[in-house]
N, C-alpha and C. Protein backbone atom coordinates (compact mmCIF):
# COMPACT_ATOMS: atom_id res chain seq x y z
N UNK A 1 -16.12 -24.53 9.59
CA UNK A 1 -15.20 -23.90 8.67
C UNK A 1 -13.81 -23.91 9.28
N UNK A 2 -12.80 -24.05 8.42
CA UNK A 2 -11.43 -24.05 8.89
C UNK A 2 -10.93 -22.65 9.18
N UNK A 3 -9.75 -22.61 9.72
CA UNK A 3 -9.14 -21.33 10.04
C UNK A 3 -8.76 -20.60 8.75
N UNK A 4 -9.03 -19.32 8.71
CA UNK A 4 -8.70 -18.55 7.51
C UNK A 4 -7.26 -18.07 7.58
N UNK A 5 -6.56 -18.19 6.47
CA UNK A 5 -5.15 -17.80 6.39
C UNK A 5 -5.05 -16.64 5.42
N UNK A 6 -4.38 -15.55 5.79
CA UNK A 6 -4.25 -14.43 4.86
C UNK A 6 -3.60 -14.89 3.56
N UNK A 7 -4.06 -14.35 2.43
CA UNK A 7 -3.57 -14.78 1.12
C UNK A 7 -2.07 -14.60 0.98
N UNK A 8 -1.50 -13.62 1.65
CA UNK A 8 -0.08 -13.34 1.49
C UNK A 8 0.82 -14.22 2.34
N UNK A 9 0.25 -15.03 3.22
CA UNK A 9 1.09 -15.80 4.14
C UNK A 9 1.95 -16.83 3.42
N UNK A 10 1.48 -17.32 2.27
CA UNK A 10 2.24 -18.34 1.56
C UNK A 10 3.15 -17.73 0.49
N UNK A 11 3.10 -16.42 0.33
CA UNK A 11 3.87 -15.77 -0.73
C UNK A 11 5.25 -15.34 -0.22
N UNK A 12 6.20 -15.31 -1.12
CA UNK A 12 7.54 -14.80 -0.81
C UNK A 12 7.63 -13.40 -1.41
N UNK A 13 7.96 -12.42 -0.60
CA UNK A 13 8.06 -11.06 -1.09
C UNK A 13 9.51 -10.62 -1.11
N UNK A 14 9.92 -9.99 -2.21
CA UNK A 14 11.24 -9.39 -2.28
C UNK A 14 11.22 -8.01 -1.63
N UNK A 15 10.04 -7.50 -1.42
CA UNK A 15 9.87 -6.21 -0.74
C UNK A 15 8.81 -6.41 0.32
N UNK A 16 8.76 -5.53 1.26
CA UNK A 16 7.73 -5.64 2.30
C UNK A 16 6.88 -4.39 2.30
N UNK A 17 5.60 -4.57 2.50
CA UNK A 17 4.71 -3.43 2.66
C UNK A 17 4.66 -3.16 4.16
N UNK A 18 5.05 -1.97 4.52
CA UNK A 18 5.05 -1.61 5.94
C UNK A 18 3.63 -1.28 6.36
N UNK A 19 3.17 -1.91 7.39
CA UNK A 19 1.83 -1.60 7.87
C UNK A 19 1.77 -1.80 9.38
N UNK A 20 1.13 -0.90 10.02
CA UNK A 20 0.90 -0.99 11.46
C UNK A 20 -0.60 -0.86 11.66
N UNK A 21 -1.24 -1.94 11.97
CA UNK A 21 -2.69 -1.89 12.11
C UNK A 21 -3.35 -1.71 10.75
N UNK A 22 -4.39 -0.91 10.70
CA UNK A 22 -5.15 -0.70 9.48
C UNK A 22 -4.80 0.66 8.89
N UNK A 23 -3.76 0.70 8.07
CA UNK A 23 -3.34 1.96 7.47
C UNK A 23 -4.16 2.24 6.23
N UNK A 24 -4.39 3.50 5.98
CA UNK A 24 -5.07 3.90 4.76
C UNK A 24 -4.12 3.85 3.58
N UNK A 25 -4.64 3.99 2.38
CA UNK A 25 -3.83 3.93 1.17
C UNK A 25 -2.73 4.99 1.18
N UNK A 26 -2.99 6.14 1.79
CA UNK A 26 -2.00 7.22 1.81
C UNK A 26 -0.80 6.91 2.70
N UNK A 27 -0.88 5.88 3.52
CA UNK A 27 0.20 5.57 4.45
C UNK A 27 0.98 4.33 4.05
N UNK A 28 0.68 3.74 2.90
CA UNK A 28 1.41 2.57 2.45
C UNK A 28 2.81 2.97 2.01
N UNK A 29 3.76 2.07 2.24
CA UNK A 29 5.11 2.30 1.73
C UNK A 29 5.75 0.97 1.42
N UNK A 30 6.70 1.00 0.52
CA UNK A 30 7.44 -0.20 0.15
C UNK A 30 8.89 0.02 0.53
N UNK A 31 9.50 -1.03 1.08
CA UNK A 31 10.89 -0.98 1.52
C UNK A 31 11.65 -2.06 0.75
N UNK A 32 12.62 -1.63 -0.04
CA UNK A 32 13.45 -2.57 -0.80
C UNK A 32 14.91 -2.17 -0.58
N UNK A 33 15.57 -2.88 0.31
CA UNK A 33 16.95 -2.51 0.64
C UNK A 33 16.99 -1.14 1.28
N UNK A 34 17.76 -0.23 0.68
CA UNK A 34 17.86 1.15 1.19
C UNK A 34 16.80 2.06 0.62
N UNK A 35 15.99 1.56 -0.31
CA UNK A 35 14.97 2.38 -0.96
C UNK A 35 13.65 2.28 -0.22
N UNK A 36 13.11 3.41 0.19
CA UNK A 36 11.80 3.46 0.86
C UNK A 36 10.94 4.42 0.06
N UNK A 37 9.81 3.91 -0.46
CA UNK A 37 8.89 4.73 -1.24
C UNK A 37 7.52 4.67 -0.60
N UNK A 38 6.86 5.82 -0.48
CA UNK A 38 5.53 5.90 0.12
C UNK A 38 4.56 6.52 -0.86
N UNK A 39 3.28 6.17 -0.71
CA UNK A 39 2.24 6.80 -1.51
C UNK A 39 2.30 8.30 -1.23
N UNK A 40 2.27 9.10 -2.29
CA UNK A 40 2.35 10.55 -2.17
C UNK A 40 3.74 11.11 -2.37
N UNK A 41 4.77 10.26 -2.33
CA UNK A 41 6.15 10.74 -2.52
C UNK A 41 6.35 11.26 -3.94
N UNK A 42 7.21 12.26 -4.07
CA UNK A 42 7.65 12.72 -5.37
C UNK A 42 8.91 11.94 -5.73
N UNK A 43 8.96 11.48 -6.98
CA UNK A 43 10.09 10.67 -7.44
C UNK A 43 10.53 11.17 -8.81
N UNK A 44 11.73 10.75 -9.21
CA UNK A 44 12.25 11.03 -10.54
C UNK A 44 12.33 9.70 -11.27
N UNK A 45 11.85 9.68 -12.52
CA UNK A 45 11.86 8.45 -13.31
C UNK A 45 13.25 8.17 -13.86
N UNK A 46 13.69 6.93 -13.68
CA UNK A 46 14.95 6.43 -14.23
C UNK A 46 14.64 5.09 -14.91
N UNK A 47 13.94 5.13 -16.07
CA UNK A 47 13.52 3.88 -16.71
C UNK A 47 14.70 3.05 -17.21
N UNK A 48 14.49 1.74 -17.23
CA UNK A 48 15.51 0.84 -17.76
C UNK A 48 15.60 1.04 -19.27
N UNK A 49 16.64 0.50 -19.87
CA UNK A 49 16.86 0.66 -21.31
C UNK A 49 15.75 0.02 -22.13
N UNK A 50 15.03 -0.94 -21.57
CA UNK A 50 13.94 -1.60 -22.29
C UNK A 50 12.67 -0.77 -22.29
N UNK A 51 12.64 0.28 -21.51
CA UNK A 51 11.45 1.14 -21.38
C UNK A 51 11.61 2.39 -22.23
N UNK A 52 10.62 3.26 -22.15
CA UNK A 52 10.62 4.53 -22.87
C UNK A 52 11.58 5.49 -22.19
N UNK A 53 12.79 5.62 -22.76
CA UNK A 53 13.79 6.46 -22.09
C UNK A 53 13.47 7.95 -22.20
N UNK A 54 12.46 8.31 -23.01
CA UNK A 54 12.07 9.72 -23.06
C UNK A 54 11.46 10.17 -21.73
N UNK A 55 11.11 9.21 -20.88
CA UNK A 55 10.57 9.54 -19.56
C UNK A 55 11.66 9.83 -18.53
N UNK A 56 12.90 9.52 -18.88
CA UNK A 56 14.01 9.69 -17.93
C UNK A 56 14.10 11.13 -17.45
N UNK A 57 14.19 11.28 -16.14
CA UNK A 57 14.34 12.59 -15.53
C UNK A 57 13.03 13.31 -15.23
N UNK A 58 11.91 12.76 -15.69
CA UNK A 58 10.62 13.41 -15.41
C UNK A 58 10.20 13.13 -13.97
N UNK A 59 9.53 14.10 -13.38
CA UNK A 59 9.05 13.97 -12.00
C UNK A 59 7.69 13.33 -12.00
N UNK A 60 7.42 12.58 -10.95
CA UNK A 60 6.13 11.90 -10.82
C UNK A 60 5.75 11.83 -9.35
N UNK A 61 4.50 11.47 -9.11
CA UNK A 61 3.99 11.28 -7.75
C UNK A 61 3.49 9.85 -7.64
N UNK A 62 3.83 9.18 -6.54
CA UNK A 62 3.37 7.81 -6.33
C UNK A 62 1.89 7.84 -5.94
N UNK A 63 1.08 7.13 -6.73
CA UNK A 63 -0.36 7.06 -6.48
C UNK A 63 -0.75 5.80 -5.72
N UNK A 64 -0.16 4.66 -6.10
CA UNK A 64 -0.49 3.39 -5.45
C UNK A 64 0.71 2.47 -5.47
N UNK A 65 0.74 1.56 -4.51
CA UNK A 65 1.75 0.51 -4.46
C UNK A 65 1.02 -0.80 -4.65
N UNK A 66 1.45 -1.58 -5.63
CA UNK A 66 0.76 -2.82 -5.99
C UNK A 66 1.70 -4.01 -5.83
N UNK A 67 1.16 -5.12 -5.35
CA UNK A 67 1.92 -6.38 -5.27
C UNK A 67 1.08 -7.44 -5.95
N UNK A 68 1.67 -8.14 -6.93
CA UNK A 68 0.90 -9.17 -7.62
C UNK A 68 0.98 -10.49 -6.87
N UNK A 69 0.33 -11.50 -7.42
CA UNK A 69 0.21 -12.78 -6.72
C UNK A 69 1.53 -13.53 -6.56
N UNK A 70 2.57 -13.16 -7.32
CA UNK A 70 3.87 -13.82 -7.13
C UNK A 70 4.84 -12.97 -6.31
N UNK A 71 4.36 -11.84 -5.82
CA UNK A 71 5.17 -11.02 -4.94
C UNK A 71 5.94 -9.90 -5.61
N UNK A 72 5.73 -9.69 -6.91
CA UNK A 72 6.39 -8.58 -7.60
C UNK A 72 5.74 -7.26 -7.21
N UNK A 73 6.57 -6.28 -6.93
CA UNK A 73 6.07 -4.95 -6.56
C UNK A 73 6.06 -4.06 -7.79
N UNK A 74 4.99 -3.33 -7.98
CA UNK A 74 4.86 -2.34 -9.03
C UNK A 74 4.33 -1.06 -8.40
N UNK A 75 4.74 0.06 -8.94
CA UNK A 75 4.35 1.36 -8.41
C UNK A 75 3.55 2.10 -9.49
N UNK A 76 2.34 2.54 -9.14
CA UNK A 76 1.53 3.36 -10.05
C UNK A 76 1.84 4.82 -9.78
N UNK A 77 2.23 5.55 -10.83
CA UNK A 77 2.63 6.94 -10.69
C UNK A 77 1.85 7.83 -11.65
N UNK A 78 1.72 9.10 -11.28
CA UNK A 78 1.19 10.10 -12.21
C UNK A 78 2.30 11.11 -12.46
N UNK A 79 2.40 11.57 -13.69
CA UNK A 79 3.47 12.49 -14.06
C UNK A 79 3.19 13.89 -13.54
N UNK A 80 4.18 14.50 -12.93
CA UNK A 80 4.01 15.81 -12.31
C UNK A 80 3.81 16.92 -13.34
N UNK A 81 4.39 16.75 -14.53
CA UNK A 81 4.28 17.81 -15.54
C UNK A 81 3.18 17.53 -16.56
N UNK A 82 2.21 16.71 -16.21
CA UNK A 82 1.15 16.34 -17.15
C UNK A 82 0.34 17.55 -17.60
N UNK A 83 0.25 18.58 -16.76
CA UNK A 83 -0.50 19.78 -17.15
C UNK A 83 0.17 20.51 -18.32
N UNK A 84 1.47 20.29 -18.51
CA UNK A 84 2.20 20.92 -19.61
C UNK A 84 2.13 20.08 -20.89
N UNK A 85 1.77 18.83 -20.76
CA UNK A 85 1.72 17.92 -21.91
C UNK A 85 0.33 17.31 -21.97
N UNK A 86 -0.55 17.85 -22.80
CA UNK A 86 -1.95 17.40 -22.83
C UNK A 86 -2.11 15.89 -23.01
N UNK A 87 -1.21 15.24 -23.73
CA UNK A 87 -1.32 13.79 -23.94
C UNK A 87 -1.09 12.98 -22.68
N UNK A 88 -0.48 13.59 -21.67
CA UNK A 88 -0.17 12.88 -20.42
C UNK A 88 -1.20 13.14 -19.33
N UNK A 89 -2.16 14.02 -19.57
CA UNK A 89 -3.17 14.33 -18.55
C UNK A 89 -3.97 13.09 -18.20
N UNK A 90 -4.11 12.81 -16.91
CA UNK A 90 -4.88 11.66 -16.46
C UNK A 90 -4.19 10.33 -16.68
N UNK A 91 -2.97 10.35 -17.14
CA UNK A 91 -2.21 9.13 -17.43
C UNK A 91 -1.55 8.61 -16.16
N UNK A 92 -1.71 7.32 -15.91
CA UNK A 92 -1.04 6.67 -14.79
C UNK A 92 -0.13 5.60 -15.37
N UNK A 93 1.11 5.61 -14.97
CA UNK A 93 2.09 4.62 -15.42
C UNK A 93 2.37 3.65 -14.29
N UNK A 94 2.62 2.40 -14.65
CA UNK A 94 2.99 1.39 -13.66
C UNK A 94 4.43 0.99 -13.95
N UNK A 95 5.29 1.18 -12.95
CA UNK A 95 6.72 0.93 -13.12
C UNK A 95 7.25 0.08 -11.97
N UNK A 96 8.44 -0.45 -12.18
CA UNK A 96 9.12 -1.21 -11.12
C UNK A 96 9.79 -0.21 -10.17
N UNK A 97 9.90 -0.54 -8.89
CA UNK A 97 10.52 0.38 -7.92
C UNK A 97 11.94 0.79 -8.29
N UNK A 98 12.69 -0.11 -8.92
CA UNK A 98 14.07 0.22 -9.27
C UNK A 98 14.16 1.25 -10.40
N UNK A 99 13.03 1.59 -11.02
CA UNK A 99 13.01 2.62 -12.06
C UNK A 99 12.69 4.01 -11.49
N UNK A 100 12.64 4.10 -10.17
CA UNK A 100 12.33 5.36 -9.51
C UNK A 100 13.47 5.77 -8.59
N UNK A 101 13.65 7.06 -8.48
CA UNK A 101 14.65 7.61 -7.58
C UNK A 101 13.93 8.64 -6.70
N UNK A 102 14.06 8.54 -5.41
CA UNK A 102 13.39 9.54 -4.55
C UNK A 102 13.89 10.94 -4.91
N UNK A 103 12.98 11.90 -4.93
CA UNK A 103 13.40 13.27 -5.21
C UNK A 103 14.02 13.85 -3.95
N UNK A 104 14.75 14.89 -4.10
CA UNK A 104 15.38 15.52 -2.93
C UNK A 104 14.36 16.27 -2.10
N UNK A 105 13.17 16.48 -2.67
CA UNK A 105 12.11 17.21 -1.95
C UNK A 105 11.29 16.30 -1.05
N UNK A 106 11.37 14.95 -1.24
CA UNK A 106 10.52 14.07 -0.43
C UNK A 106 11.14 13.78 0.90
């Protein structure tokens, strides 16, 4: 058998997933320029004009960081105020990192 090459070695990433050794899901983070987001961080939604702008200003928690096969980064979030809005309970949204703003509490 030939040498195995990690699937990501041939991909070009606009963002990097920071990892030191074998980190658990709770320790993943994405670094894009000056923006650093980690699983568990509280963020404020700033959706683009093409998205549902009614979400603007709502607080959320980062649940997962996802990278697709072409290197695009997406962030899975849960809404912090879902307990106040029954339709949002258990709802996970997938957004682009540029649609999130770190909260002052993180």
